[in-house]
Amino acid sequence: MTLSMLCFGVFHGAARGEAVNVYTSARVAPLVVGDGSGIYPDLVAYLNRKKLGQLSFKLVYLPRKRLQLQVERNELDGIVIGMMPHWFNDVAEKKYLWTAAFGTDRYVIVLPAGLPFNPGTLTGRTVGLVLGYSYPELDGWIRQQGLVRNDAPSDEHSLEKLRVGRVDSVIAAQSVVRYYMKVHAMEADKFQLHELSSSLTERHFLVPRAKAAVYEKIAPVIRQLKDDPEWQRLAAKYE
């Protein structure tokens, strides 16, 4: 190989930069929408437009259990979008690097409009939840109410089952429920939503410490999202 060819190879490789996989286990709108849009795809595209050094970002789906296992074993070849420290037993934020939250949400229980929501009225009724997901702050309340878990692949599947009467209730993030009702042009009086006693869900990027250089690039960008009109316009599409 000639010197000129070798130099071309070096500079061509440098121009390509580092491809960063951005993993998610989400398959529900408005986080990920079937047409390739959604909060997560839009945020990844936003990071690419920022041209952060030689980094390029690609959203990759990975089932939740496999994602959690790879993170905990330090085997993940990328970063994770939309996570919370306590989901990974890292409330002190010592195991991994965490960006500022880029969104907040709250769990709600969704019922048909005519079903009473009082103590004792839910005993023996089914509640739609996501297969493989745990709800540490809500499990005790679900047991106390006597609800029977009925799992589905996603919140959207659970809401569809509720719409056609195959489950009695659904617990999901409020943003997911609101977006589902918007897309399906459902009148507000078809479902009743009740906020549950749980902490706000905050969506962060989890970055393994081996990817500290990536964290240093994205953390300032995520911190200023709330003040960026471009991102606010993008996010408003999903409200």
Protein backbone atom coordinates (compact mmCIF):
# COMPACT_ATOMS: atom_id res chain seq x y z
CA MET A 1 0.00 0.00 0.00
CA THR A 2 1.35 3.42 -0.98
CA LEU A 3 1.77 6.22 1.50
CA SER A 4 -0.93 8.27 -0.22
CA MET A 5 -3.39 5.38 -0.01
CA LEU A 6 -2.57 4.85 3.66
CA CYS A 7 -3.13 8.53 4.43
CA PHE A 8 -6.44 8.47 2.57
CA GLY A 9 -7.54 5.52 4.69
CA VAL A 10 -6.61 7.29 7.92
CA PHE A 11 -8.38 10.53 7.04
CA HIS A 12 -11.38 8.75 5.54
CA GLY A 13 -11.78 6.79 8.79
CA ALA A 14 -11.49 9.96 10.84
CA ALA A 15 -14.14 11.65 8.70
CA ARG A 16 -16.56 8.85 9.38
CA GLY A 17 -16.11 9.37 13.10
CA GLU A 18 -17.79 7.23 15.75
CA ALA A 19 -21.23 5.71 15.23
CA VAL A 20 -23.11 5.64 18.54
CA ASN A 21 -25.98 3.21 19.03
CA VAL A 22 -28.79 4.78 21.05
CA TYR A 23 -30.80 1.91 22.53
CA THR A 24 -34.44 1.93 23.53
CA SER A 25 -36.90 -0.73 24.63
CA ALA A 26 -39.83 1.56 23.81
CA ARG A 27 -42.26 0.67 21.04
CA VAL A 28 -45.12 2.94 21.98
CA ALA A 29 -46.23 6.32 20.70
CA PRO A 30 -45.44 9.12 21.20
CA LEU A 31 -41.97 7.86 22.19
CA VAL A 32 -41.64 5.82 18.98
CA VAL A 33 -44.30 6.11 16.27
CA GLY A 34 -44.81 3.47 13.59
CA ASP A 35 -43.91 5.81 10.71
CA GLY A 36 -40.40 6.31 12.08
CA SER A 37 -41.14 9.56 13.92
CA GLY A 38 -41.64 10.04 17.65
CA ILE A 39 -39.93 11.79 20.55
CA TYR A 40 -36.97 9.39 20.58
CA PRO A 41 -36.28 9.32 16.79
CA ASP A 42 -36.69 13.10 16.65
CA LEU A 43 -34.26 13.60 19.54
CA VAL A 44 -31.67 11.31 17.93
CA ALA A 45 -32.03 13.23 14.64
CA TYR A 46 -31.70 16.48 16.60
CA LEU A 47 -28.38 15.28 18.10
CA ASN A 48 -27.12 14.43 14.62
CA ARG A 49 -27.95 17.94 13.38
CA LYS A 50 -25.84 19.35 16.20
CA LYS A 51 -22.75 17.74 14.61
CA LEU A 52 -21.13 16.84 17.92
CA GLY A 53 -17.54 16.29 16.85
CA GLN A 54 -17.40 13.17 14.69
CA LEU A 55 -20.29 11.43 16.45
CA SER A 56 -23.29 10.06 14.59
CA PHE A 57 -26.25 8.58 16.44
CA LYS A 58 -28.54 5.71 15.47
CA LEU A 59 -31.67 4.60 17.35
CA VAL A 60 -31.71 0.82 17.96
CA TYR A 61 -34.47 -1.27 19.53
CA LEU A 62 -33.54 -3.84 22.17
CA PRO A 63 -36.04 -5.74 24.37
CA ARG A 64 -36.07 -4.42 27.92
CA LYS A 65 -34.74 -7.52 29.69
CA ARG A 66 -31.84 -7.89 27.26
CA LEU A 67 -31.11 -4.17 27.45
CA GLN A 68 -31.03 -4.22 31.25
CA LEU A 69 -28.80 -7.29 31.30
CA GLN A 70 -26.28 -5.82 28.85
CA VAL A 71 -26.13 -2.56 30.81
CA GLU A 72 -25.60 -4.35 34.12
CA ARG A 73 -22.90 -6.60 32.62
CA ASN A 74 -21.14 -3.61 31.01
CA GLU A 75 -21.64 -5.25 27.61
CA LEU A 76 -23.66 -2.49 25.93
CA ASP A 77 -21.99 -0.97 22.87
CA GLY A 78 -23.80 2.33 23.06
CA ILE A 79 -26.02 4.52 25.24
CA VAL A 80 -29.66 4.30 26.34
CA ILE A 81 -32.45 6.84 25.87
CA GLY A 82 -35.41 7.40 28.15
CA MET A 83 -34.31 5.77 31.40
CA MET A 84 -34.40 6.61 35.12
CA PRO A 85 -31.61 5.96 37.64
CA HIS A 86 -33.77 3.91 40.04
CA TRP A 87 -34.72 1.50 37.23
CA PHE A 88 -31.04 0.48 37.22
CA ASN A 89 -30.49 0.61 41.00
CA ASP A 90 -28.42 3.77 40.57
CA VAL A 91 -30.30 6.45 42.52
CA ALA A 92 -26.96 7.96 43.59
CA GLU A 93 -25.89 8.08 39.90
CA LYS A 94 -22.56 6.42 40.63
CA LYS A 95 -22.69 3.37 38.37
CA TYR A 96 -23.50 5.19 35.14
CA LEU A 97 -23.47 8.69 33.72
CA TRP A 98 -26.88 10.37 33.47
CA THR A 99 -27.87 13.43 31.48
CA ALA A 100 -30.43 15.95 32.66
CA ALA A 101 -34.04 14.88 32.13
CA PHE A 102 -35.38 15.77 28.69
CA GLY A 103 -39.00 14.98 29.57
CA THR A 104 -41.29 14.16 32.46
CA ASP A 105 -44.43 12.06 32.71
CA ARG A 106 -46.76 10.52 35.28
CA TYR A 107 -48.54 7.19 35.58
CA VAL A 108 -52.32 7.17 35.30
CA ILE A 109 -54.94 4.46 35.50
CA VAL A 110 -57.36 4.52 32.57
CA LEU A 111 -60.92 3.21 32.94
CA PRO A 112 -64.02 3.22 30.76
CA ALA A 113 -66.07 6.31 31.46
CA GLY A 114 -68.87 4.40 33.18
CA LEU A 115 -66.80 2.34 35.62
CA PRO A 116 -66.77 3.71 39.20
CA PHE A 117 -63.34 4.55 40.63
CA ASN A 118 -63.73 4.09 44.37
CA PRO A 119 -62.06 1.85 46.99
CA GLY A 120 -63.15 -1.72 46.42
CA THR A 121 -64.66 -1.17 42.95
CA LEU A 122 -61.60 -2.57 41.14
CA THR A 123 -61.31 -5.88 43.01
CA GLY A 124 -61.06 -8.77 40.59
CA ARG A 125 -60.88 -6.52 37.54
CA THR A 126 -58.07 -6.77 34.99
CA VAL A 127 -55.40 -4.12 34.50
CA GLY A 128 -53.37 -3.90 31.30
CA LEU A 129 -49.60 -3.66 31.86
CA VAL A 130 -46.53 -4.20 29.70
CA LEU A 131 -45.06 -7.69 29.53
CA GLY A 132 -41.72 -7.92 31.32
CA TYR A 133 -42.04 -4.53 33.04
CA SER A 134 -42.06 -4.04 36.79
CA TYR A 135 -43.78 -1.14 38.52
CA PRO A 136 -42.05 -0.90 41.94
CA GLU A 137 -43.97 2.15 43.18
CA LEU A 138 -47.33 0.80 42.00
CA ASP A 139 -47.17 -2.93 42.71
CA GLY A 140 -48.41 -2.52 46.28
CA TRP A 141 -51.33 -0.33 45.21
CA ILE A 142 -52.28 -2.80 42.44
CA ARG A 143 -52.36 -5.65 44.97
CA GLN A 144 -54.29 -3.55 47.48
CA GLN A 145 -56.95 -2.77 44.89
CA GLY A 146 -57.26 -6.46 43.98
CA LEU A 147 -56.46 -5.83 40.31
CA VAL A 148 -55.48 -8.80 38.15
CA ARG A 149 -52.51 -8.17 35.87
CA ASN A 150 -53.12 -8.72 32.14
CA ASP A 151 -49.92 -8.26 30.11
CA ALA A 152 -49.52 -7.03 26.55
CA PRO A 153 -46.47 -6.30 24.37
CA SER A 154 -46.90 -2.52 24.80
CA ASP A 155 -49.05 0.18 26.38
CA GLU A 156 -50.65 0.77 23.01
CA HIS A 157 -51.76 -2.87 22.84
CA SER A 158 -53.21 -2.56 26.34
CA LEU A 159 -55.13 0.59 25.40
CA GLU A 160 -56.51 -1.10 22.32
CA LYS A 161 -57.70 -4.00 24.50
CA LEU A 162 -59.37 -1.48 26.80
CA ARG A 163 -61.04 0.26 23.86
CA VAL A 164 -62.63 -3.00 22.68
CA GLY A 165 -63.48 -4.22 26.19
CA ARG A 166 -60.91 -6.99 26.63
CA VAL A 167 -59.47 -5.48 29.84
CA ASP A 168 -61.13 -3.37 32.52
CA SER A 169 -58.35 -0.83 33.03
CA VAL A 170 -54.83 0.13 31.95
CA ILE A 171 -51.93 1.69 33.82
CA ALA A 172 -49.65 3.69 31.53
CA ALA A 173 -47.80 6.98 31.20
CA GLN A 174 -50.15 9.91 30.78
CA SER A 175 -48.40 11.09 27.58
CA VAL A 176 -48.94 7.67 25.99
CA VAL A 177 -52.65 7.68 26.84
CA ARG A 178 -53.20 11.26 25.65
CA TYR A 179 -51.42 10.60 22.35
CA TYR A 180 -53.39 7.38 21.80
CA MET A 181 -56.66 9.25 22.32
CA LYS A 182 -55.53 12.02 19.97
CA VAL A 183 -54.51 9.65 17.17
CA HIS A 184 -57.69 7.60 17.47
CA ALA A 185 -59.83 10.75 17.66
CA MET A 186 -61.42 9.56 20.87
CA GLU A 187 -63.73 11.90 22.70
CA ALA A 188 -62.51 12.83 26.16
CA ASP A 189 -65.59 11.24 27.72
CA LYS A 190 -64.75 7.72 26.47
CA PHE A 191 -61.98 7.12 29.01
CA GLN A 192 -61.47 8.47 32.51
CA LEU A 193 -57.89 9.11 33.67
CA HIS A 194 -56.80 9.20 37.31
CA GLU A 195 -53.27 10.15 38.37
CA LEU A 196 -51.60 7.58 40.61
CA SER A 197 -49.46 8.18 43.69
CA SER A 198 -46.03 7.64 42.19
CA SER A 199 -43.00 9.78 41.43
CA LEU A 200 -42.79 11.67 38.19
CA THR A 201 -41.19 9.65 35.41
CA GLU A 202 -38.13 11.53 34.16
CA ARG A 203 -36.52 10.52 30.88
CA HIS A 204 -32.73 10.67 30.83
CA PHE A 205 -29.90 9.28 28.73
CA LEU A 206 -27.95 6.53 30.51
CA VAL A 207 -24.32 6.50 29.38
CA PRO A 208 -21.92 3.71 30.44
CA ARG A 209 -18.75 5.12 31.96
CA ALA A 210 -16.76 3.60 29.10
CA LYS A 211 -18.57 6.11 26.87
CA ALA A 212 -17.61 9.16 28.94
CA ALA A 213 -16.39 10.99 25.81
CA VAL A 214 -19.88 10.63 24.30
CA TYR A 215 -21.45 11.88 27.54
CA GLU A 216 -19.28 15.01 27.48
CA LYS A 217 -20.65 15.83 24.02
CA ILE A 218 -24.35 15.19 24.59
CA ALA A 219 -24.82 16.30 28.22
CA PRO A 220 -24.64 20.08 27.49
CA VAL A 221 -27.04 19.70 24.56
CA ILE A 222 -29.63 17.81 26.62
CA ARG A 223 -29.29 20.34 29.45
CA GLN A 224 -30.35 23.22 27.20
CA LEU A 225 -33.25 21.47 25.40
CA LYS A 226 -35.84 23.25 27.54
CA ASP A 227 -34.57 26.59 26.22
CA ASP A 228 -34.27 25.61 22.55
CA PRO A 229 -37.26 26.72 20.41
CA GLU A 230 -36.37 24.14 17.73
CA TRP A 231 -36.73 21.25 20.17
CA GLN A 232 -39.81 22.74 21.80
CA ARG A 233 -41.54 22.85 18.39
CA LEU A 234 -40.61 19.22 17.75
CA ALA A 235 -41.79 18.04 21.16
CA ALA A 236 -45.08 19.94 20.86
CA LYS A 237 -46.16 17.63 18.00
CA TYR A 238 -46.60 14.79 20.47
CA GLU A 239 -48.57 16.58 23.18
